[in-house]
Amino acid sequence: MNKRTHVVLSEQLVKDIDAIVGSRQRSSFLTQAAERELMRLRQLKALKAAAGSWKDKDHPELKGGAAKWVTKLRSQDEKRFQKVTAR
């Protein structure tokens, strides 16, 4: 369900939006932009709430860095794959 609302925008902003998407797509564009911005703000809020929850002591496998850990995992997977395909 859609709800009409009154939003005040500068003339220049309306012209810029219309130049890109056209006046008949203005509502759709503004809806999508608002949804993206709400998602971004929710993500920021979640990140702030989670700040400090990651403890290095809980993840010793990452002591050498995430890239090193991922390389190790890939190497292990490659060895497993080679064993399976060698049969």
N, C-alpha and C. Protein backbone atom coordinates (compact mmCIF):
# COMPACT_ATOMS: atom_id res chain seq x y z
N MET A 1 0.85 -1.18 0.00
CA MET A 1 0.00 0.00 0.00
C MET A 1 0.90 1.24 0.00
N ASN A 2 0.54 2.19 -0.78
CA ASN A 2 1.28 3.45 -0.86
C ASN A 2 0.55 4.54 -0.10
N LYS A 3 1.29 5.49 0.37
CA LYS A 3 0.72 6.62 1.09
C LYS A 3 1.29 7.90 0.51
N ARG A 4 0.43 8.80 0.19
CA ARG A 4 0.88 10.11 -0.30
C ARG A 4 1.38 10.92 0.87
N THR A 5 2.42 11.69 0.60
CA THR A 5 2.97 12.56 1.63
C THR A 5 3.47 13.84 0.97
N HIS A 6 3.55 14.86 1.74
CA HIS A 6 4.02 16.15 1.23
C HIS A 6 5.48 16.31 1.63
N VAL A 7 6.34 16.43 0.64
CA VAL A 7 7.77 16.60 0.88
C VAL A 7 8.21 17.85 0.16
N VAL A 8 8.97 18.69 0.83
CA VAL A 8 9.45 19.93 0.23
C VAL A 8 10.89 19.72 -0.23
N LEU A 9 11.12 19.97 -1.52
CA LEU A 9 12.45 19.85 -2.12
C LEU A 9 12.78 21.16 -2.81
N SER A 10 14.05 21.46 -2.90
CA SER A 10 14.43 22.67 -3.62
C SER A 10 14.11 22.50 -5.11
N GLU A 11 13.88 23.61 -5.77
CA GLU A 11 13.60 23.56 -7.21
C GLU A 11 14.75 22.90 -7.96
N GLN A 12 15.97 23.24 -7.57
CA GLN A 12 17.13 22.69 -8.27
C GLN A 12 17.22 21.18 -8.10
N LEU A 13 16.92 20.68 -6.91
CA LEU A 13 16.95 19.24 -6.69
C LEU A 13 15.91 18.55 -7.57
N VAL A 14 14.73 19.10 -7.65
CA VAL A 14 13.67 18.52 -8.48
C VAL A 14 14.11 18.53 -9.95
N LYS A 15 14.70 19.62 -10.40
CA LYS A 15 15.17 19.70 -11.78
C LYS A 15 16.25 18.65 -12.05
N ASP A 16 17.16 18.50 -11.09
CA ASP A 16 18.25 17.53 -11.26
C ASP A 16 17.70 16.10 -11.32
N ILE A 17 16.75 15.79 -10.45
CA ILE A 17 16.13 14.46 -10.45
C ILE A 17 15.41 14.23 -11.76
N ASP A 18 14.61 15.20 -12.18
CA ASP A 18 13.85 15.05 -13.41
C ASP A 18 14.75 14.91 -14.63
N ALA A 19 15.89 15.60 -14.61
CA ALA A 19 16.82 15.52 -15.74
C ALA A 19 17.39 14.11 -15.88
N ILE A 20 17.52 13.41 -14.77
CA ILE A 20 18.10 12.06 -14.80
C ILE A 20 17.04 10.99 -15.01
N VAL A 21 15.94 11.04 -14.25
CA VAL A 21 14.96 9.96 -14.30
C VAL A 21 13.64 10.36 -14.94
N GLY A 22 13.41 11.63 -15.13
CA GLY A 22 12.14 12.09 -15.70
C GLY A 22 11.11 12.34 -14.62
N SER A 23 10.23 13.28 -14.88
CA SER A 23 9.25 13.67 -13.85
C SER A 23 8.28 12.55 -13.52
N ARG A 24 8.05 11.63 -14.45
CA ARG A 24 7.09 10.55 -14.20
C ARG A 24 7.70 9.44 -13.33
N GLN A 25 9.01 9.48 -13.14
CA GLN A 25 9.68 8.47 -12.30
C GLN A 25 10.19 9.06 -10.99
N ARG A 26 9.83 10.29 -10.72
CA ARG A 26 10.33 11.00 -9.53
C ARG A 26 9.99 10.26 -8.24
N SER A 27 8.76 9.86 -8.05
CA SER A 27 8.35 9.19 -6.81
C SER A 27 9.10 7.88 -6.61
N SER A 28 9.22 7.12 -7.69
CA SER A 28 9.93 5.85 -7.62
C SER A 28 11.40 6.08 -7.24
N PHE A 29 12.02 7.07 -7.87
CA PHE A 29 13.41 7.39 -7.57
C PHE A 29 13.59 7.80 -6.11
N LEU A 30 12.72 8.68 -5.64
CA LEU A 30 12.83 9.15 -4.25
C LEU A 30 12.57 8.02 -3.26
N THR A 31 11.65 7.13 -3.60
CA THR A 31 11.38 5.97 -2.74
C THR A 31 12.62 5.09 -2.64
N GLN A 32 13.23 4.77 -3.79
CA GLN A 32 14.43 3.93 -3.79
C GLN A 32 15.57 4.61 -3.04
N ALA A 33 15.74 5.90 -3.24
CA ALA A 33 16.82 6.63 -2.55
C ALA A 33 16.59 6.61 -1.04
N ALA A 34 15.35 6.80 -0.62
CA ALA A 34 15.04 6.79 0.82
C ALA A 34 15.27 5.39 1.41
N GLU A 35 14.87 4.35 0.67
CA GLU A 35 15.08 2.99 1.16
C GLU A 35 16.56 2.67 1.32
N ARG A 36 17.38 3.08 0.34
CA ARG A 36 18.83 2.85 0.44
C ARG A 36 19.43 3.60 1.63
N GLU A 37 18.99 4.83 1.82
CA GLU A 37 19.53 5.62 2.92
C GLU A 37 19.11 5.03 4.27
N LEU A 38 17.87 4.57 4.37
CA LEU A 38 17.43 3.92 5.61
C LEU A 38 18.25 2.67 5.90
N MET A 39 18.53 1.88 4.87
CA MET A 39 19.34 0.68 5.06
C MET A 39 20.74 1.07 5.54
N ARG A 40 21.32 2.09 4.93
CA ARG A 40 22.65 2.55 5.33
C ARG A 40 22.66 3.01 6.79
N LEU A 41 21.65 3.78 7.18
CA LEU A 41 21.57 4.27 8.56
C LEU A 41 21.36 3.13 9.56
N ARG A 42 20.56 2.13 9.17
CA ARG A 42 20.36 0.97 10.04
C ARG A 42 21.66 0.19 10.21
N GLN A 43 22.41 0.05 9.11
CA GLN A 43 23.69 -0.65 9.19
C GLN A 43 24.67 0.09 10.09
N LEU A 44 24.72 1.41 9.97
CA LEU A 44 25.59 2.20 10.84
C LEU A 44 25.20 2.03 12.30
N LYS A 45 23.90 2.03 12.56
CA LYS A 45 23.42 1.86 13.93
C LYS A 45 23.83 0.49 14.47
N ALA A 46 23.69 -0.55 13.64
CA ALA A 46 24.07 -1.90 14.06
C ALA A 46 25.57 -2.00 14.31
N LEU A 47 26.36 -1.35 13.44
CA LEU A 47 27.81 -1.36 13.64
C LEU A 47 28.21 -0.67 14.93
N LYS A 48 27.56 0.45 15.22
CA LYS A 48 27.86 1.16 16.47
C LYS A 48 27.46 0.31 17.68
N ALA A 49 26.32 -0.37 17.58
CA ALA A 49 25.86 -1.21 18.69
C ALA A 49 26.81 -2.39 18.92
N ALA A 50 27.42 -2.88 17.84
CA ALA A 50 28.30 -4.04 17.94
C ALA A 50 29.74 -3.67 18.24
N ALA A 51 30.04 -2.40 18.27
CA ALA A 51 31.42 -1.95 18.49
C ALA A 51 31.96 -2.53 19.79
N GLY A 52 33.14 -3.11 19.70
CA GLY A 52 33.78 -3.68 20.88
C GLY A 52 33.39 -5.12 21.16
N SER A 53 32.46 -5.68 20.40
CA SER A 53 32.02 -7.05 20.68
C SER A 53 33.01 -8.09 20.14
N TRP A 54 33.83 -7.71 19.17
CA TRP A 54 34.85 -8.61 18.62
C TRP A 54 36.07 -8.57 19.52
N LYS A 55 36.45 -9.70 20.01
CA LYS A 55 37.62 -9.81 20.88
C LYS A 55 38.67 -10.67 20.19
N ASP A 56 39.89 -10.16 20.08
CA ASP A 56 40.97 -10.90 19.43
C ASP A 56 41.21 -12.25 20.09
N LYS A 57 41.06 -12.30 21.40
CA LYS A 57 41.31 -13.56 22.11
C LYS A 57 40.31 -14.65 21.71
N ASP A 58 39.15 -14.26 21.22
CA ASP A 58 38.14 -15.23 20.79
C ASP A 58 38.40 -15.75 19.38
N HIS A 59 39.36 -15.16 18.67
CA HIS A 59 39.63 -15.54 17.28
C HIS A 59 41.13 -15.67 17.03
N PRO A 60 41.77 -16.63 17.69
CA PRO A 60 43.22 -16.77 17.54
C PRO A 60 43.64 -17.13 16.12
N GLU A 61 42.73 -17.72 15.35
CA GLU A 61 43.06 -18.10 13.98
C GLU A 61 43.37 -16.88 13.09
N LEU A 62 42.97 -15.71 13.53
CA LEU A 62 43.19 -14.50 12.76
C LEU A 62 44.38 -13.68 13.24
N LYS A 63 45.15 -14.26 14.15
CA LYS A 63 46.28 -13.53 14.72
C LYS A 63 47.26 -13.03 13.66
N GLY A 64 47.49 -13.83 12.63
CA GLY A 64 48.40 -13.44 11.56
C GLY A 64 47.74 -12.58 10.49
N GLY A 65 46.47 -12.27 10.68
CA GLY A 65 45.74 -11.47 9.70
C GLY A 65 44.74 -12.32 8.94
N ALA A 66 43.67 -11.69 8.51
CA ALA A 66 42.60 -12.40 7.82
C ALA A 66 43.07 -12.98 6.49
N ALA A 67 43.91 -12.25 5.77
CA ALA A 67 44.38 -12.73 4.46
C ALA A 67 45.16 -14.03 4.61
N LYS A 68 46.01 -14.10 5.62
CA LYS A 68 46.79 -15.31 5.86
C LYS A 68 45.88 -16.49 6.21
N TRP A 69 44.87 -16.23 7.01
CA TRP A 69 43.93 -17.27 7.42
C TRP A 69 43.15 -17.78 6.21
N VAL A 70 42.69 -16.87 5.36
CA VAL A 70 41.94 -17.27 4.16
C VAL A 70 42.83 -18.08 3.23
N THR A 71 44.08 -17.68 3.06
CA THR A 71 45.02 -18.43 2.23
C THR A 71 45.19 -19.84 2.76
N LYS A 72 45.28 -19.97 4.07
CA LYS A 72 45.42 -21.29 4.70
C LYS A 72 44.19 -22.14 4.43
N LEU A 73 43.00 -21.56 4.58
CA LEU A 73 41.76 -22.30 4.33
C LEU A 73 41.69 -22.77 2.88
N ARG A 74 42.07 -21.89 1.97
CA ARG A 74 42.02 -22.26 0.55
C ARG A 74 43.01 -23.38 0.25
N SER A 75 44.16 -23.33 0.87
CA SER A 75 45.17 -24.37 0.69
C SER A 75 44.63 -25.71 1.19
N GLN A 76 43.99 -25.69 2.34
CA GLN A 76 43.42 -26.92 2.91
C GLN A 76 42.33 -27.47 2.00
N ASP A 77 41.49 -26.59 1.47
CA ASP A 77 40.43 -27.02 0.55
C ASP A 77 41.02 -27.63 -0.71
N GLU A 78 42.07 -27.01 -1.23
CA GLU A 78 42.72 -27.51 -2.44
C GLU A 78 43.28 -28.91 -2.21
N LYS A 79 43.90 -29.13 -1.04
CA LYS A 79 44.45 -30.45 -0.72
C LYS A 79 43.34 -31.49 -0.63
N ARG A 80 42.21 -31.12 0.01
CA ARG A 80 41.07 -32.04 0.10
C ARG A 80 40.54 -32.37 -1.29
N PHE A 81 40.44 -31.37 -2.14
CA PHE A 81 39.92 -31.56 -3.49
C PHE A 81 40.84 -32.50 -4.28
N GLN A 82 42.14 -32.31 -4.14
CA GLN A 82 43.09 -33.16 -4.84
C GLN A 82 42.98 -34.61 -4.40
N LYS A 83 42.75 -34.84 -3.09
CA LYS A 83 42.58 -36.19 -2.57
C LYS A 83 41.34 -36.84 -3.17
N VAL A 84 40.24 -36.08 -3.23
CA VAL A 84 38.98 -36.60 -3.73
C VAL A 84 39.08 -36.91 -5.22
N THR A 85 39.70 -36.03 -5.98
CA THR A 85 39.78 -36.23 -7.43
C THR A 85 40.84 -37.26 -7.82
N ALA A 86 41.77 -37.57 -6.91
CA ALA A 86 42.81 -38.57 -7.19
C ALA A 86 42.27 -39.98 -7.08
N ARG A 87 41.14 -40.15 -6.51
CA ARG A 87 40.58 -41.50 -6.30
C ARG A 87 40.05 -42.09 -7.57
